[in-house]
Amino acid sequence: MSRRHLTSRDNAHYKEWKLLATSAQARRKAGQSLLDGVHLCVTYLEQLGQPLCCIVGESALANQEVQEIVASCEQGGADVVSLPDNLFAPLSQVEHGIDVLFVVNTPSPTVPAQLRLSSVLLDQVQDPGNLGSVLRSAAAAGIRQVYCAPGTAQAWSPKVLRAGMGAHFVVDIFENVDLASLIESAEIPVLATSSHTAQVLYDLDLTKPVAWLFGHEGKGVDPALLAAASSRVAIPHLGNVESLNVAASAAVCFFEQVRQQTRSQH
């Protein structure tokens, strides 16, 4: 497909892209997301294929990595649009980045009827950086399902995508999920992190699939969900702090599971 060059802020497509960049409601309504920067675009091409559209700033066309991305999109039949730098800037939230964006359909996988695979359940994790970090750690640990309750940050927002560093393309993300019903029908243990329990993470058998339940940065897991979980587990620490950040807690749990599974295979 040939490359187009847009120069007007009044162009209908440009207006749509600007809404995608700034409005969660617009992203939900369109069922589309923006991928910002070389890393996310390259990873998307490698994992999922062609975007709906590749948008590039004029100055970035001199960049070799961008040239390769554009060539791949043109060869694959994706729409490629170049913009003057001053028009590209409002579409990007990355400071001092390389001006390339993908418009993609937001994946919307069907929620499984029951929890059977190792997974992550997130109850109102509101910070985009935390959510992105949890997704990235889950992907690195081989966990392929993440369930987000209402009140959790929008998984496909620009900030979460940047923090996830491509995890979105290898993990099934389910949003606005009724976690209570999911826990009730689960076929695997649901482990909720809590600082108010005597059961320690390192004493658990994590060689088989489990679902990890993490909660709001300040309030923690909702009491009703905490009560419904199979077990409450604590991460021991020696320093004089009340608890770990939710993203750090998740990483500790995931990689203790990886350690046990790896050891059991030898």
Protein backbone atom coordinates (compact mmCIF):
# COMPACT_ATOMS: atom_id res chain seq x y z
CA MET A 1 0.00 0.00 0.00
CA SER A 2 1.34 3.44 -0.88
CA ARG A 3 2.43 5.92 1.76
CA ARG A 4 0.24 8.97 2.41
CA HIS A 5 1.26 12.34 3.81
CA LEU A 6 -1.23 14.31 5.91
CA THR A 7 -0.75 17.97 6.77
CA SER A 8 -4.14 19.06 8.16
CA ARG A 9 -5.32 18.92 11.77
CA ASP A 10 -8.84 18.80 10.36
CA ASN A 11 -8.31 15.47 8.66
CA ALA A 12 -10.88 12.98 9.99
CA HIS A 13 -8.31 10.22 10.53
CA TYR A 14 -6.01 12.58 12.41
CA LYS A 15 -8.85 13.58 14.72
CA GLU A 16 -9.57 9.90 15.42
CA TRP A 17 -5.92 9.19 16.24
CA LYS A 18 -5.77 12.17 18.58
CA LEU A 19 -8.78 10.81 20.47
CA LEU A 20 -7.15 7.38 20.68
CA ALA A 21 -4.07 9.03 22.18
CA THR A 22 -5.96 10.96 24.84
CA SER A 23 -9.25 9.24 25.66
CA ALA A 24 -9.84 5.85 27.29
CA GLN A 25 -13.49 6.13 26.29
CA ALA A 26 -12.55 6.65 22.65
CA ARG A 27 -10.23 3.64 22.73
CA ARG A 28 -12.98 1.44 24.18
CA LYS A 29 -15.57 2.70 21.69
CA ALA A 30 -13.29 2.18 18.68
CA GLY A 31 -11.81 -1.07 19.96
CA GLN A 32 -8.41 0.28 18.97
CA SER A 33 -5.15 1.24 20.68
CA LEU A 34 -2.00 3.19 19.85
CA LEU A 35 1.44 1.62 20.17
CA ASP A 36 4.05 4.31 20.72
CA GLY A 37 7.71 3.91 19.83
CA VAL A 38 10.08 1.59 18.03
CA HIS A 39 10.16 -1.21 20.60
CA LEU A 40 6.39 -1.72 20.79
CA CYS A 41 5.99 -1.49 17.03
CA VAL A 42 8.76 -3.98 16.29
CA THR A 43 7.49 -6.38 18.94
CA TYR A 44 3.95 -6.16 17.54
CA LEU A 45 5.22 -6.98 14.04
CA GLU A 46 7.13 -9.97 15.40
CA GLN A 47 4.34 -11.32 17.61
CA LEU A 48 1.04 -10.36 15.95
CA GLY A 49 1.78 -9.13 12.43
CA GLN A 50 0.60 -6.03 10.62
CA PRO A 51 -1.08 -3.03 12.28
CA LEU A 52 -4.11 -1.23 10.91
CA CYS A 53 -1.94 1.80 10.28
CA CYS A 54 1.64 2.95 10.79
CA ILE A 55 2.00 6.66 11.59
CA VAL A 56 5.42 8.25 11.40
CA GLY A 57 6.79 11.75 11.96
CA GLU A 58 8.69 13.25 9.02
CA SER A 59 11.99 13.60 10.90
CA ALA A 60 11.82 9.98 12.05
CA LEU A 61 11.86 8.77 8.45
CA ALA A 62 15.63 9.28 8.52
CA ASN A 63 15.96 6.72 11.35
CA GLN A 64 17.06 3.28 10.14
CA GLU A 65 14.83 1.37 12.57
CA VAL A 66 11.83 3.41 11.47
CA GLN A 67 12.71 2.83 7.84
CA GLU A 68 12.67 -0.92 8.50
CA ILE A 69 9.31 -0.71 10.29
CA VAL A 70 7.80 1.34 7.46
CA ALA A 71 9.17 -1.05 4.83
CA SER A 72 7.72 -4.03 6.69
CA CYS A 73 4.32 -2.35 6.90
CA GLU A 74 4.33 -1.36 3.25
CA GLN A 75 5.31 -4.87 2.18
CA GLY A 76 2.64 -6.32 4.47
CA GLY A 77 -0.10 -4.10 3.08
CA ALA A 78 -0.63 -1.89 6.11
CA ASP A 79 -1.58 1.74 5.68
CA VAL A 80 1.42 4.06 6.23
CA VAL A 81 0.92 7.76 6.97
CA SER A 82 3.59 10.40 7.52
CA LEU A 83 2.90 13.58 9.49
CA PRO A 84 4.76 16.83 10.02
CA ASP A 85 6.51 16.67 13.38
CA ASN A 86 4.22 19.30 14.91
CA LEU A 87 1.18 17.15 14.07
CA PHE A 88 2.78 13.96 15.33
CA ALA A 89 3.66 15.45 18.75
CA PRO A 90 0.06 15.54 20.14
CA LEU A 91 -0.33 11.82 19.36
CA SER A 92 2.65 10.75 21.49
CA GLN A 93 3.21 10.78 25.24
CA VAL A 94 6.86 9.78 24.94
CA GLU A 95 9.36 12.56 25.59
CA HIS A 96 12.41 12.50 23.34
CA GLY A 97 11.16 9.35 21.64
CA ILE A 98 11.33 8.25 18.03
CA ASP A 99 8.17 9.32 16.24
CA VAL A 100 6.48 6.13 15.11
CA LEU A 101 3.06 4.80 16.12
CA PHE A 102 0.88 1.84 15.26
CA VAL A 103 -2.90 1.87 15.29
CA VAL A 104 -4.04 -1.67 16.18
CA ASN A 105 -7.23 -3.48 17.03
CA THR A 106 -7.34 -4.03 20.78
CA PRO A 107 -7.43 -7.78 21.44
CA SER A 108 -10.62 -8.89 23.17
CA PRO A 109 -10.21 -12.55 24.12
CA THR A 110 -13.16 -14.52 25.47
CA VAL A 111 -13.00 -15.03 29.23
CA PRO A 112 -12.53 -18.74 30.02
CA ALA A 113 -15.34 -20.38 31.97
CA GLN A 114 -12.95 -21.48 34.71
CA LEU A 115 -9.44 -20.79 35.96
CA ARG A 116 -7.28 -23.73 34.98
CA LEU A 117 -3.95 -22.14 34.04
CA SER A 118 -1.53 -20.12 36.13
CA SER A 119 -2.90 -16.61 36.03
CA VAL A 120 -3.06 -13.19 37.68
CA LEU A 121 -6.15 -11.53 39.15
CA LEU A 122 -5.94 -7.78 39.70
CA ASP A 123 -8.40 -6.00 41.97
CA GLN A 124 -8.34 -2.24 41.33
CA VAL A 125 -4.63 -1.87 40.62
CA GLN A 126 -4.90 1.75 39.54
CA ASP A 127 -1.38 2.91 38.71
CA PRO A 128 -0.58 2.36 35.00
CA GLY A 129 3.10 1.79 35.74
CA ASN A 130 2.27 -0.91 38.28
CA LEU A 131 -0.12 -2.65 35.92
CA GLY A 132 2.40 -2.59 33.08
CA SER A 133 5.12 -3.95 35.36
CA VAL A 134 2.84 -6.78 36.55
CA LEU A 135 2.07 -7.70 32.94
CA ARG A 136 5.75 -7.66 32.04
CA SER A 137 6.71 -9.87 35.00
CA ALA A 138 3.83 -12.25 34.28
CA ALA A 139 4.91 -12.63 30.66
CA ALA A 140 8.52 -13.23 31.70
CA ALA A 141 7.39 -15.89 34.19
CA GLY A 142 5.38 -17.76 31.56
CA ILE A 143 1.97 -16.71 32.92
CA ARG A 144 -0.40 -16.22 30.02
CA GLN A 145 -3.67 -14.97 31.56
CA VAL A 146 -4.35 -11.71 33.43
CA TYR A 147 -7.82 -10.81 34.71
CA CYS A 148 -8.56 -7.19 35.64
CA ALA A 149 -11.51 -6.18 37.79
CA PRO A 150 -13.44 -2.94 37.19
CA GLY A 151 -11.47 -0.08 38.68
CA THR A 152 -8.14 -1.43 37.42
CA ALA A 153 -6.20 0.85 35.06
CA GLN A 154 -7.07 0.37 31.39
CA ALA A 155 -4.62 -2.25 30.21
CA TRP A 156 -4.24 -0.86 26.67
CA SER A 157 -3.65 2.76 27.68
CA PRO A 158 -0.40 4.33 26.39
CA LYS A 159 1.26 4.39 29.84
CA VAL A 160 0.47 0.74 30.59
CA LEU A 161 1.64 -0.29 27.13
CA ARG A 162 4.97 1.46 27.64
CA ALA A 163 5.50 -0.12 31.04
CA GLY A 164 4.53 -3.55 29.69
CA MET A 165 7.28 -3.44 27.06
CA GLY A 166 5.51 -5.85 24.73
CA ALA A 167 3.97 -8.14 27.36
CA HIS A 168 0.53 -7.28 25.99
CA PHE A 169 1.29 -9.26 22.85
CA VAL A 170 2.03 -12.56 24.61
CA VAL A 171 -0.48 -12.42 27.49
CA ASP A 172 -4.27 -12.74 27.27
CA ILE A 173 -5.69 -9.72 29.12
CA PHE A 174 -9.31 -9.80 30.28
CA GLU A 175 -10.79 -6.52 31.49
CA ASN A 176 -13.84 -5.67 33.64
CA VAL A 177 -13.98 -9.22 34.98
CA ASP A 178 -16.15 -10.31 37.92
CA LEU A 179 -13.34 -11.73 40.04
CA ALA A 180 -15.71 -13.11 42.70
CA SER A 181 -17.41 -15.41 40.18
CA LEU A 182 -14.08 -16.35 38.66
CA ILE A 183 -12.65 -17.32 42.05
CA GLU A 184 -15.77 -19.26 42.98
CA SER A 185 -15.52 -21.52 39.93
CA ALA A 186 -11.70 -21.82 39.89
CA GLU A 187 -10.20 -25.27 39.45
CA ILE A 188 -6.82 -24.16 40.80
CA PRO A 189 -5.83 -22.54 44.10
CA VAL A 190 -6.26 -18.76 44.31
CA LEU A 191 -3.50 -17.20 46.40
CA ALA A 192 -4.08 -13.69 47.75
CA THR A 193 -1.15 -11.64 49.00
CA SER A 194 -1.66 -10.15 52.44
CA SER A 195 0.61 -8.76 55.13
CA HIS A 196 -1.79 -10.05 57.81
CA THR A 197 -1.19 -13.78 57.65
CA ALA A 198 1.31 -16.25 59.06
CA GLN A 199 1.54 -18.33 55.87
CA VAL A 200 4.75 -17.49 54.04
CA LEU A 201 5.18 -17.55 50.26
CA TYR A 202 8.28 -19.74 50.41
CA ASP A 203 6.44 -22.53 52.29
CA LEU A 204 3.91 -23.08 49.50
CA ASP A 205 4.03 -25.74 46.80
CA LEU A 206 3.98 -23.74 43.57
CA THR A 207 4.93 -26.51 41.17
CA LYS A 208 1.37 -26.71 39.84
CA PRO A 209 -0.82 -23.93 38.38
CA VAL A 210 -2.08 -21.26 40.77
CA ALA A 211 -3.90 -17.95 40.39
CA TRP A 212 -2.31 -14.93 42.06
CA LEU A 213 -4.63 -12.25 43.48
CA PHE A 214 -3.27 -8.72 44.02
CA GLY A 215 -5.14 -5.64 45.14
CA HIS A 216 -5.31 -1.86 45.21
CA GLU A 217 -2.06 -0.04 45.96
CA GLY A 218 -3.39 1.44 49.20
CA LYS A 219 -6.31 -0.73 50.35
CA GLY A 220 -5.05 -4.09 49.16
CA VAL A 221 -7.38 -6.89 48.07
CA ASP A 222 -11.09 -6.36 48.70
CA PRO A 223 -12.06 -8.19 51.94
CA ALA A 224 -14.73 -10.28 50.19
CA LEU A 225 -12.25 -11.47 47.56
CA LEU A 226 -9.64 -12.08 50.24
CA ALA A 227 -12.10 -14.30 52.09
CA ALA A 228 -12.95 -16.20 48.90
CA ALA A 229 -9.32 -16.98 48.07
CA SER A 230 -7.94 -20.44 48.77
CA SER A 231 -5.06 -19.05 50.82
CA ARG A 232 -3.58 -15.79 52.03
CA VAL A 233 0.17 -15.56 51.70
CA ALA A 234 2.74 -13.12 53.03
CA ILE A 235 6.09 -12.13 51.55
CA PRO A 236 8.58 -11.95 54.42
CA HIS A 237 10.88 -8.95 54.55
CA LEU A 238 13.53 -7.80 56.98
CA GLY A 239 13.42 -4.03 56.56
CA ASN A 240 11.18 -1.74 58.58
CA VAL A 241 8.52 -1.18 55.91
CA GLU A 242 4.87 -2.19 55.99
CA SER A 243 4.71 -3.89 52.58
CA LEU A 244 6.11 -4.08 49.08
CA ASN A 245 4.79 -2.22 46.06
CA VAL A 246 2.21 -4.36 44.24
CA ALA A 247 4.41 -4.73 41.15
CA ALA A 248 7.37 -5.82 43.29
CA SER A 249 5.17 -8.25 45.23
CA ALA A 250 3.92 -9.78 42.00
CA ALA A 251 7.45 -10.24 40.65
CA VAL A 252 8.58 -11.96 43.86
CA CYS A 253 5.61 -14.35 43.72
CA PHE A 254 5.91 -15.14 40.03
CA PHE A 255 9.59 -15.92 40.19
CA GLU A 256 9.30 -18.04 43.30
CA GLN A 257 6.85 -20.06 41.21
CA VAL A 258 9.37 -20.13 38.34
CA ARG A 259 12.13 -21.23 40.75
CA GLN A 260 10.06 -24.12 42.10
CA GLN A 261 8.85 -25.24 38.69
CA THR A 262 12.35 -25.12 37.25
CA ARG A 263 13.78 -27.06 40.18
CA SER A 264 11.06 -29.73 39.95
CA GLN A 265 12.00 -30.43 36.33
CA HIS A 266 15.54 -31.49 37.25
